[in-house]
Amino acid sequence: MMSSNQLPFSEVIEFYKSEETQSVLDQFLNQVEHFFKTNPTLKRAKAIHSIKARQKDPEHLRDKLLRKQSKGVIITKDTLFREITDLNGVRILHLYQQQFPLIHNEIMKKINEMEDWKLVEPPKAYTWEQESQHFFEELGIRTEVKDTYYTSVHYVVKPNNSKSDITCEIQVRTLFEEIWGEIDHTINYPHETESIACREQIRVLAKLVSTGTRLADSIFRTYDDYMRQEKK
C-alpha cells in the first residue's frame, strides 16, 4: 500500500511526466538551446565546442524530492517549477577558459539588453582553486568552493514573463571539466560512493583536469601570438 508520504511524490512525478508539462518545458528548453546554436557572436568566435540539452529524469526528480523532504521542504505540483530549477538543463562546452568571458557576456546581454530572459538567482562559479576564483570574480561572478572539486558555472534563467515559473539551468564548462563531471556523475549521482579510493582518485583527476585547462589556455595564447607574428 502506498504511504501518505509517497502519494504527493507520485502526483508530482505524474504531473511532471504529463504531455502538457513536458510541452511547456520543451518550449523553453528549445528556446535556450537555439540561442546558443545560432548566436552570431559566439559562432564567429567559435567559442562553443558543443551543446547538450536535457530534461531531468523522473527518477532523479523523485530522489531530489526525497532529499528536499529530508530538509523539511515538501514540494507539490503547484510549487514544482519554483522549487526545482534544473528540470531543464543546457550545458555549454568550450575548449579553454579564455573563451568563457565571451560566452558569459552574451548570456548577460540576453538578460540585460534583449530582456528575453530573467535571472532566477545570480550566476555562480563552482571552483576549488584560487586562480579560477579570481578569474570568475573579476567578471563579477560569485564563487563557491565545492569539497567534491566540482567545477562549472551555473546560470538559472526563466522567461522574462512574471506569469511563467519555467526555468532552465545553464552550465558552462571546459571539455576537460566535462570529462571530470561525467565520471563523477556516474559514480556519485544521485548518491555519493562510499569507496574512499574512488573519492581520492576523483580528486586527483580534478587536479589533472585543472592542469589540462591551464595548459590549453597556454597553447592557444602561444598559437595566437604565432599567428599575429605570421601576419606581420
C-alpha atoms as a PDB file:
ATOM      1  CA  MET A   1       0.000   0.000   0.000  1.00  0.00           C
ATOM      2  CA  MET A   2       1.261   3.496  -0.837  1.00  0.00           C
ATOM      3  CA  SER A   3       2.027   5.612   2.216  1.00  0.00           C
ATOM      4  CA  SER A   4       0.774   9.188   2.665  1.00  0.00           C
ATOM      5  CA  ASN A   5       4.362  10.414   2.228  1.00  0.00           C
ATOM      6  CA  GLN A   6       4.741   8.642  -1.125  1.00  0.00           C
ATOM      7  CA  LEU A   7       1.452   9.844  -2.611  1.00  0.00           C
ATOM      8  CA  PRO A   8       2.400  13.521  -3.075  1.00  0.00           C
ATOM      9  CA  PHE A   9       5.627  12.463  -4.811  1.00  0.00           C
ATOM     10  CA  SER A  10       3.713  10.204  -7.185  1.00  0.00           C
ATOM     11  CA  GLU A  11       1.351  13.051  -8.011  1.00  0.00           C
ATOM     12  CA  VAL A  12       4.285  15.382  -8.655  1.00  0.00           C
ATOM     13  CA  ILE A  13       6.063  12.824 -10.857  1.00  0.00           C
ATOM     14  CA  GLU A  14       2.917  12.139 -12.877  1.00  0.00           C
ATOM     15  CA  PHE A  15       2.347  15.876 -13.275  1.00  0.00           C
ATOM     16  CA  TYR A  16       5.955  16.289 -14.423  1.00  0.00           C
ATOM     17  CA  LYS A  17       5.654  13.429 -16.945  1.00  0.00           C
ATOM     18  CA  SER A  18       2.367  14.651 -18.399  1.00  0.00           C
ATOM     19  CA  GLU A  19       2.289  15.770 -22.045  1.00  0.00           C
ATOM     20  CA  GLU A  20       1.159  19.248 -21.068  1.00  0.00           C
ATOM     21  CA  THR A  21       4.043  19.789 -18.635  1.00  0.00           C
ATOM     22  CA  GLN A  22       6.619  18.311 -20.981  1.00  0.00           C
ATOM     23  CA  SER A  23       5.392  20.533 -23.812  1.00  0.00           C
ATOM     24  CA  VAL A  24       5.759  23.696 -21.730  1.00  0.00           C
ATOM     25  CA  LEU A  25       9.215  22.657 -20.531  1.00  0.00           C
ATOM     26  CA  ASP A  26      10.289  21.715 -24.060  1.00  0.00           C
ATOM     27  CA  GLN A  27       9.366  25.109 -25.448  1.00  0.00           C
ATOM     28  CA  PHE A  28      11.698  26.995 -23.133  1.00  0.00           C
ATOM     29  CA  LEU A  29      14.441  24.364 -23.304  1.00  0.00           C
ATOM     30  CA  ASN A  30      14.415  24.586 -27.103  1.00  0.00           C
ATOM     31  CA  GLN A  31      14.498  28.378 -26.944  1.00  0.00           C
ATOM     32  CA  VAL A  32      17.591  28.384 -24.712  1.00  0.00           C
ATOM     33  CA  GLU A  33      19.369  25.768 -26.805  1.00  0.00           C
ATOM     34  CA  HIS A  34      18.518  27.637 -30.016  1.00  0.00           C
ATOM     35  CA  PHE A  35      20.040  30.842 -28.651  1.00  0.00           C
ATOM     36  CA  PHE A  36      23.441  29.209 -28.185  1.00  0.00           C
ATOM     37  CA  LYS A  37      23.300  27.346 -31.506  1.00  0.00           C
ATOM     38  CA  THR A  38      22.507  30.458 -33.542  1.00  0.00           C
ATOM     39  CA  ASN A  39      24.186  33.310 -31.645  1.00  0.00           C
ATOM     40  CA  PRO A  40      26.255  35.055 -34.367  1.00  0.00           C
ATOM     41  CA  THR A  41      28.928  36.427 -31.993  1.00  0.00           C
ATOM     42  CA  LEU A  42      29.617  33.014 -30.489  1.00  0.00           C
ATOM     43  CA  LYS A  43      29.561  31.362 -33.924  1.00  0.00           C
ATOM     44  CA  ARG A  44      32.064  33.826 -35.425  1.00  0.00           C
ATOM     45  CA  ALA A  45      34.441  33.371 -32.484  1.00  0.00           C
ATOM     46  CA  LYS A  46      33.939  29.577 -32.485  1.00  0.00           C
ATOM     47  CA  ALA A  47      33.605  29.952 -28.719  1.00  0.00           C
ATOM     48  CA  ILE A  48      31.376  26.913 -28.225  1.00  0.00           C
ATOM     49  CA  HIS A  49      32.591  23.399 -28.889  1.00  0.00           C
ATOM     50  CA  SER A  50      29.295  21.588 -28.268  1.00  0.00           C
ATOM     51  CA  ILE A  51      25.908  21.897 -26.599  1.00  0.00           C
ATOM     52  CA  LYS A  52      23.936  19.371 -24.577  1.00  0.00           C
ATOM     53  CA  ALA A  53      20.292  19.772 -23.631  1.00  0.00           C
ATOM     54  CA  ARG A  54      18.221  17.530 -21.371  1.00  0.00           C
ATOM     55  CA  GLN A  55      15.211  17.310 -19.102  1.00  0.00           C
ATOM     56  CA  LYS A  56      15.540  15.820 -15.643  1.00  0.00           C
ATOM     57  CA  ASP A  57      15.000  12.079 -15.417  1.00  0.00           C
ATOM     58  CA  PRO A  58      11.781  11.378 -13.445  1.00  0.00           C
ATOM     59  CA  GLU A  59      13.558   9.005 -11.068  1.00  0.00           C
ATOM     60  CA  HIS A  60      16.264  11.583 -10.410  1.00  0.00           C
ATOM     61  CA  LEU A  61      13.484  14.060  -9.709  1.00  0.00           C
ATOM     62  CA  ARG A  62      11.910  11.628  -7.243  1.00  0.00           C
ATOM     63  CA  ASP A  63      15.249  11.301  -5.459  1.00  0.00           C
ATOM     64  CA  LYS A  64      15.615  15.080  -5.306  1.00  0.00           C
ATOM     65  CA  LEU A  65      12.133  15.414  -3.840  1.00  0.00           C
ATOM     66  CA  LEU A  66      13.113  12.955  -1.121  1.00  0.00           C
ATOM     67  CA  ARG A  67      16.279  14.920  -0.360  1.00  0.00           C
ATOM     68  CA  LYS A  68      14.264  18.139  -0.177  1.00  0.00           C
ATOM     69  CA  GLN A  69      11.787  16.473   2.163  1.00  0.00           C
ATOM     70  CA  SER A  70      14.619  15.359   4.450  1.00  0.00           C
ATOM     71  CA  LYS A  71      15.457  19.074   4.807  1.00  0.00           C
ATOM     72  CA  GLY A  72      11.863  19.949   5.632  1.00  0.00           C
ATOM     73  CA  VAL A  73      10.843  21.169   2.160  1.00  0.00           C
ATOM     74  CA  ILE A  74       7.709  19.490   0.818  1.00  0.00           C
ATOM     75  CA  ILE A  75       7.178  20.070  -2.903  1.00  0.00           C
ATOM     76  CA  THR A  76       3.836  19.745  -4.628  1.00  0.00           C
ATOM     77  CA  LYS A  77       2.896  20.022  -8.286  1.00  0.00           C
ATOM     78  CA  ASP A  78       1.920  23.641  -7.598  1.00  0.00           C
ATOM     79  CA  THR A  79       5.391  24.526  -6.314  1.00  0.00           C
ATOM     80  CA  LEU A  80       7.475  22.208  -8.506  1.00  0.00           C
ATOM     81  CA  PHE A  81       8.659  24.834 -11.014  1.00  0.00           C
ATOM     82  CA  ARG A  82       9.581  27.334  -8.301  1.00  0.00           C
ATOM     83  CA  GLU A  83      11.431  24.865  -6.071  1.00  0.00           C
ATOM     84  CA  ILE A  84      13.215  22.678  -8.653  1.00  0.00           C
ATOM     85  CA  THR A  85      15.071  24.923 -11.075  1.00  0.00           C
ATOM     86  CA  ASP A  86      17.017  22.282 -13.029  1.00  0.00           C
ATOM     87  CA  LEU A  87      14.138  20.404 -14.673  1.00  0.00           C
ATOM     88  CA  ASN A  88      15.525  21.849 -17.910  1.00  0.00           C
ATOM     89  CA  GLY A  89      19.266  21.866 -18.434  1.00  0.00           C
ATOM     90  CA  VAL A  90      21.563  23.159 -21.179  1.00  0.00           C
ATOM     91  CA  ARG A  91      25.293  22.532 -20.948  1.00  0.00           C
ATOM     92  CA  ILE A  92      27.732  24.670 -22.946  1.00  0.00           C
ATOM     93  CA  LEU A  93      31.182  23.177 -23.530  1.00  0.00           C
ATOM     94  CA  HIS A  94      34.189  25.187 -24.664  1.00  0.00           C
ATOM     95  CA  LEU A  95      37.827  24.281 -25.266  1.00  0.00           C
ATOM     96  CA  TYR A  96      39.686  26.624 -22.946  1.00  0.00           C
ATOM     97  CA  GLN A  97      38.968  29.092 -20.161  1.00  0.00           C
ATOM     98  CA  GLN A  98      39.696  32.305 -22.073  1.00  0.00           C
ATOM     99  CA  GLN A  99      36.639  31.610 -24.251  1.00  0.00           C
ATOM    100  CA  PHE A 100      34.377  31.884 -21.223  1.00  0.00           C
ATOM    101  CA  PRO A 101      34.168  35.724 -20.909  1.00  0.00           C
ATOM    102  CA  LEU A 102      32.618  35.985 -24.380  1.00  0.00           C
ATOM    103  CA  ILE A 103      30.051  33.288 -23.562  1.00  0.00           C
ATOM    104  CA  HIS A 104      29.273  34.986 -20.256  1.00  0.00           C
ATOM    105  CA  ASN A 105      28.877  38.389 -21.939  1.00  0.00           C
ATOM    106  CA  GLU A 106      26.419  37.002 -24.498  1.00  0.00           C
ATOM    107  CA  ILE A 107      24.323  35.366 -21.772  1.00  0.00           C
ATOM    108  CA  MET A 108      24.215  38.598 -19.775  1.00  0.00           C
ATOM    109  CA  LYS A 109      23.376  40.582 -22.918  1.00  0.00           C
ATOM    110  CA  LYS A 110      20.413  38.263 -23.495  1.00  0.00           C
ATOM    111  CA  ILE A 111      19.262  39.066 -19.961  1.00  0.00           C
ATOM    112  CA  ASN A 112      20.129  42.749 -19.567  1.00  0.00           C
ATOM    113  CA  GLU A 113      19.869  44.195 -23.091  1.00  0.00           C
ATOM    114  CA  MET A 114      17.483  41.949 -25.004  1.00  0.00           C
ATOM    115  CA  GLU A 115      15.495  41.295 -21.817  1.00  0.00           C
ATOM    116  CA  ASP A 116      14.286  37.924 -23.115  1.00  0.00           C
ATOM    117  CA  TRP A 117      15.386  36.054 -20.003  1.00  0.00           C
ATOM    118  CA  LYS A 118      15.405  36.857 -16.308  1.00  0.00           C
ATOM    119  CA  LEU A 119      17.908  35.527 -13.774  1.00  0.00           C
ATOM    120  CA  VAL A 120      16.287  33.493 -11.005  1.00  0.00           C
ATOM    121  CA  GLU A 121      19.476  33.857  -8.960  1.00  0.00           C
ATOM    122  CA  PRO A 122      22.897  35.418  -9.601  1.00  0.00           C
ATOM    123  CA  PRO A 123      25.342  33.357 -11.699  1.00  0.00           C
ATOM    124  CA  LYS A 124      27.612  31.167  -9.619  1.00  0.00           C
ATOM    125  CA  ALA A 125      31.003  29.631 -10.430  1.00  0.00           C
ATOM    126  CA  TYR A 126      31.791  26.419  -8.607  1.00  0.00           C
ATOM    127  CA  THR A 127      35.532  26.045  -8.359  1.00  0.00           C
ATOM    128  CA  TRP A 128      38.144  24.895  -5.891  1.00  0.00           C
ATOM    129  CA  GLU A 129      41.360  26.611  -6.972  1.00  0.00           C
ATOM    130  CA  GLN A 130      42.336  30.183  -6.143  1.00  0.00           C
ATOM    131  CA  GLU A 131      43.395  31.157  -9.682  1.00  0.00           C
ATOM    132  CA  SER A 132      39.974  30.253 -11.092  1.00  0.00           C
ATOM    133  CA  GLN A 133      38.218  32.028  -8.215  1.00  0.00           C
ATOM    134  CA  HIS A 134      39.994  35.280  -9.111  1.00  0.00           C
ATOM    135  CA  PHE A 135      39.218  34.775 -12.812  1.00  0.00           C
ATOM    136  CA  PHE A 136      35.471  34.496 -12.204  1.00  0.00           C
ATOM    137  CA  GLU A 137      35.313  37.183  -9.520  1.00  0.00           C
ATOM    138  CA  GLU A 138      36.920  39.677 -11.915  1.00  0.00           C
ATOM    139  CA  LEU A 139      33.939  39.021 -14.201  1.00  0.00           C
ATOM    140  CA  GLY A 140      31.571  39.807 -11.345  1.00  0.00           C
ATOM    141  CA  ILE A 141      30.571  36.179 -10.788  1.00  0.00           C
ATOM    142  CA  ARG A 142      30.341  34.949  -7.222  1.00  0.00           C
ATOM    143  CA  THR A 143      32.224  31.742  -6.495  1.00  0.00           C
ATOM    144  CA  GLU A 144      31.624  28.769  -4.251  1.00  0.00           C
ATOM    145  CA  VAL A 145      34.101  26.081  -3.298  1.00  0.00           C
ATOM    146  CA  LYS A 146      32.838  22.504  -3.520  1.00  0.00           C
ATOM    147  CA  ASP A 147      34.559  19.887  -1.353  1.00  0.00           C
ATOM    148  CA  THR A 148      33.956  17.442  -4.200  1.00  0.00           C
ATOM    149  CA  TYR A 149      36.158  19.529  -6.560  1.00  0.00           C
ATOM    150  CA  TYR A 150      33.164  20.130  -8.831  1.00  0.00           C
ATOM    151  CA  THR A 151      33.881  22.882 -11.377  1.00  0.00           C
ATOM    152  CA  SER A 152      31.277  24.639 -13.526  1.00  0.00           C
ATOM    153  CA  VAL A 153      29.494  27.972 -13.927  1.00  0.00           C
ATOM    154  CA  HIS A 154      25.729  27.917 -13.386  1.00  0.00           C
ATOM    155  CA  TYR A 155      23.020  30.312 -14.522  1.00  0.00           C
ATOM    156  CA  VAL A 156      19.332  29.767 -13.755  1.00  0.00           C
ATOM    157  CA  VAL A 157      17.106  31.667 -16.154  1.00  0.00           C
ATOM    158  CA  LYS A 158      13.392  31.965 -16.822  1.00  0.00           C
ATOM    159  CA  PRO A 159      11.329  33.758 -19.463  1.00  0.00           C
ATOM    160  CA  ASN A 160      11.068  37.462 -18.734  1.00  0.00           C
ATOM    161  CA  ASN A 161       7.404  36.991 -18.004  1.00  0.00           C
ATOM    162  CA  SER A 162       6.036  37.236 -14.485  1.00  0.00           C
ATOM    163  CA  LYS A 163       3.382  34.648 -15.317  1.00  0.00           C
ATOM    164  CA  SER A 164       5.874  31.869 -16.038  1.00  0.00           C
ATOM    165  CA  ASP A 165       7.811  29.864 -13.445  1.00  0.00           C
ATOM    166  CA  ILE A 166       9.511  27.628 -16.025  1.00  0.00           C
ATOM    167  CA  THR A 167      13.294  27.717 -15.602  1.00  0.00           C
ATOM    168  CA  CYS A 168      16.403  26.369 -17.271  1.00  0.00           C
ATOM    169  CA  GLU A 169      19.779  25.758 -15.671  1.00  0.00           C
ATOM    170  CA  ILE A 170      22.649  26.698 -17.966  1.00  0.00           C
ATOM    171  CA  GLN A 171      26.002  25.109 -17.161  1.00  0.00           C
ATOM    172  CA  VAL A 172      29.186  26.362 -18.811  1.00  0.00           C
ATOM    173  CA  ARG A 173      32.420  24.408 -18.520  1.00  0.00           C
ATOM    174  CA  THR A 174      35.503  23.329 -20.468  1.00  0.00           C
ATOM    175  CA  LEU A 175      35.816  19.948 -22.146  1.00  0.00           C
ATOM    176  CA  PHE A 176      38.370  18.928 -19.531  1.00  0.00           C
ATOM    177  CA  GLU A 177      35.870  19.786 -16.782  1.00  0.00           C
ATOM    178  CA  GLU A 178      33.157  17.869 -18.642  1.00  0.00           C
ATOM    179  CA  ILE A 179      35.248  14.684 -18.569  1.00  0.00           C
ATOM    180  CA  TRP A 180      35.651  15.018 -14.809  1.00  0.00           C
ATOM    181  CA  GLY A 181      31.961  15.841 -14.398  1.00  0.00           C
ATOM    182  CA  GLU A 182      30.780  12.812 -16.369  1.00  0.00           C
ATOM    183  CA  ILE A 183      32.981  10.440 -14.378  1.00  0.00           C
ATOM    184  CA  ASP A 184      31.962  11.986 -11.067  1.00  0.00           C
ATOM    185  CA  HIS A 185      28.273  11.983 -12.039  1.00  0.00           C
ATOM    186  CA  THR A 186      28.386   8.292 -12.992  1.00  0.00           C
ATOM    187  CA  ILE A 187      29.920   7.315  -9.656  1.00  0.00           C
ATOM    188  CA  ASN A 188      28.450   9.855  -7.230  1.00  0.00           C
ATOM    189  CA  TYR A 189      24.977  10.766  -8.509  1.00  0.00           C
ATOM    190  CA  PRO A 190      22.383  10.675  -7.120  1.00  0.00           C
ATOM    191  CA  HIS A 191      24.183   9.076  -4.160  1.00  0.00           C
ATOM    192  CA  GLU A 192      27.850   9.529  -3.299  1.00  0.00           C
ATOM    193  CA  THR A 193      30.008   6.425  -3.467  1.00  0.00           C
ATOM    194  CA  GLU A 194      31.269   5.012  -0.170  1.00  0.00           C
ATOM    195  CA  SER A 195      34.543   3.950  -1.795  1.00  0.00           C
ATOM    196  CA  ILE A 196      37.313   6.052  -0.256  1.00  0.00           C
ATOM    197  CA  ALA A 197      39.669   5.005  -3.070  1.00  0.00           C
ATOM    198  CA  CYS A 198      37.244   6.267  -5.739  1.00  0.00           C
ATOM    199  CA  ARG A 199      36.805   9.577  -3.920  1.00  0.00           C
ATOM    200  CA  GLU A 200      40.564  10.116  -3.779  1.00  0.00           C
ATOM    201  CA  GLN A 201      41.040   9.169  -7.423  1.00  0.00           C
ATOM    202  CA  ILE A 202      38.313  11.598  -8.486  1.00  0.00           C
ATOM    203  CA  ARG A 203      40.057  14.382  -6.560  1.00  0.00           C
ATOM    204  CA  VAL A 204      43.356  13.559  -8.254  1.00  0.00           C
ATOM    205  CA  LEU A 205      41.544  13.659 -11.600  1.00  0.00           C
ATOM    206  CA  ALA A 206      40.210  17.130 -10.717  1.00  0.00           C
ATOM    207  CA  LYS A 207      43.772  18.372 -10.281  1.00  0.00           C
ATOM    208  CA  LEU A 208      44.807  16.847 -13.616  1.00  0.00           C
ATOM    209  CA  VAL A 209      41.804  18.483 -15.287  1.00  0.00           C
ATOM    210  CA  SER A 210      42.759  21.868 -13.825  1.00  0.00           C
ATOM    211  CA  THR A 211      46.293  21.468 -15.172  1.00  0.00           C
ATOM    212  CA  GLY A 212      44.924  20.458 -18.566  1.00  0.00           C
ATOM    213  CA  THR A 213      42.651  23.502 -18.722  1.00  0.00           C
ATOM    214  CA  ARG A 214      45.521  25.872 -17.898  1.00  0.00           C
ATOM    215  CA  LEU A 215      47.754  24.153 -20.466  1.00  0.00           C
ATOM    216  CA  ALA A 216      45.043  24.501 -23.121  1.00  0.00           C
ATOM    217  CA  ASP A 217      44.875  28.254 -22.382  1.00  0.00           C
ATOM    218  CA  SER A 218      48.650  28.479 -22.721  1.00  0.00           C
ATOM    219  CA  ILE A 219      48.618  26.580 -26.036  1.00  0.00           C
ATOM    220  CA  PHE A 220      46.018  28.903 -27.542  1.00  0.00           C
ATOM    221  CA  ARG A 221      47.836  32.016 -26.305  1.00  0.00           C
ATOM    222  CA  THR A 222      51.006  30.721 -27.949  1.00  0.00           C
ATOM    223  CA  TYR A 223      49.107  29.923 -31.130  1.00  0.00           C
ATOM    224  CA  ASP A 224      47.502  33.382 -31.255  1.00  0.00           C
ATOM    225  CA  ASP A 225      50.902  35.053 -30.759  1.00  0.00           C
ATOM    226  CA  TYR A 226      52.356  32.888 -33.546  1.00  0.00           C
ATOM    227  CA  MET A 227      49.545  33.792 -35.959  1.00  0.00           C
ATOM    228  CA  ARG A 228      49.968  37.501 -35.226  1.00  0.00           C
ATOM    229  CA  GLN A 229      53.681  37.253 -35.979  1.00  0.00           C
ATOM    230  CA  GLU A 230      52.971  35.407 -39.218  1.00  0.00           C
ATOM    231  CA  LYS A 231      50.698  38.195 -40.413  1.00  0.00           C
ATOM    232  CA  LYS A 232      53.359  40.885 -39.955  1.00  0.00           C
END
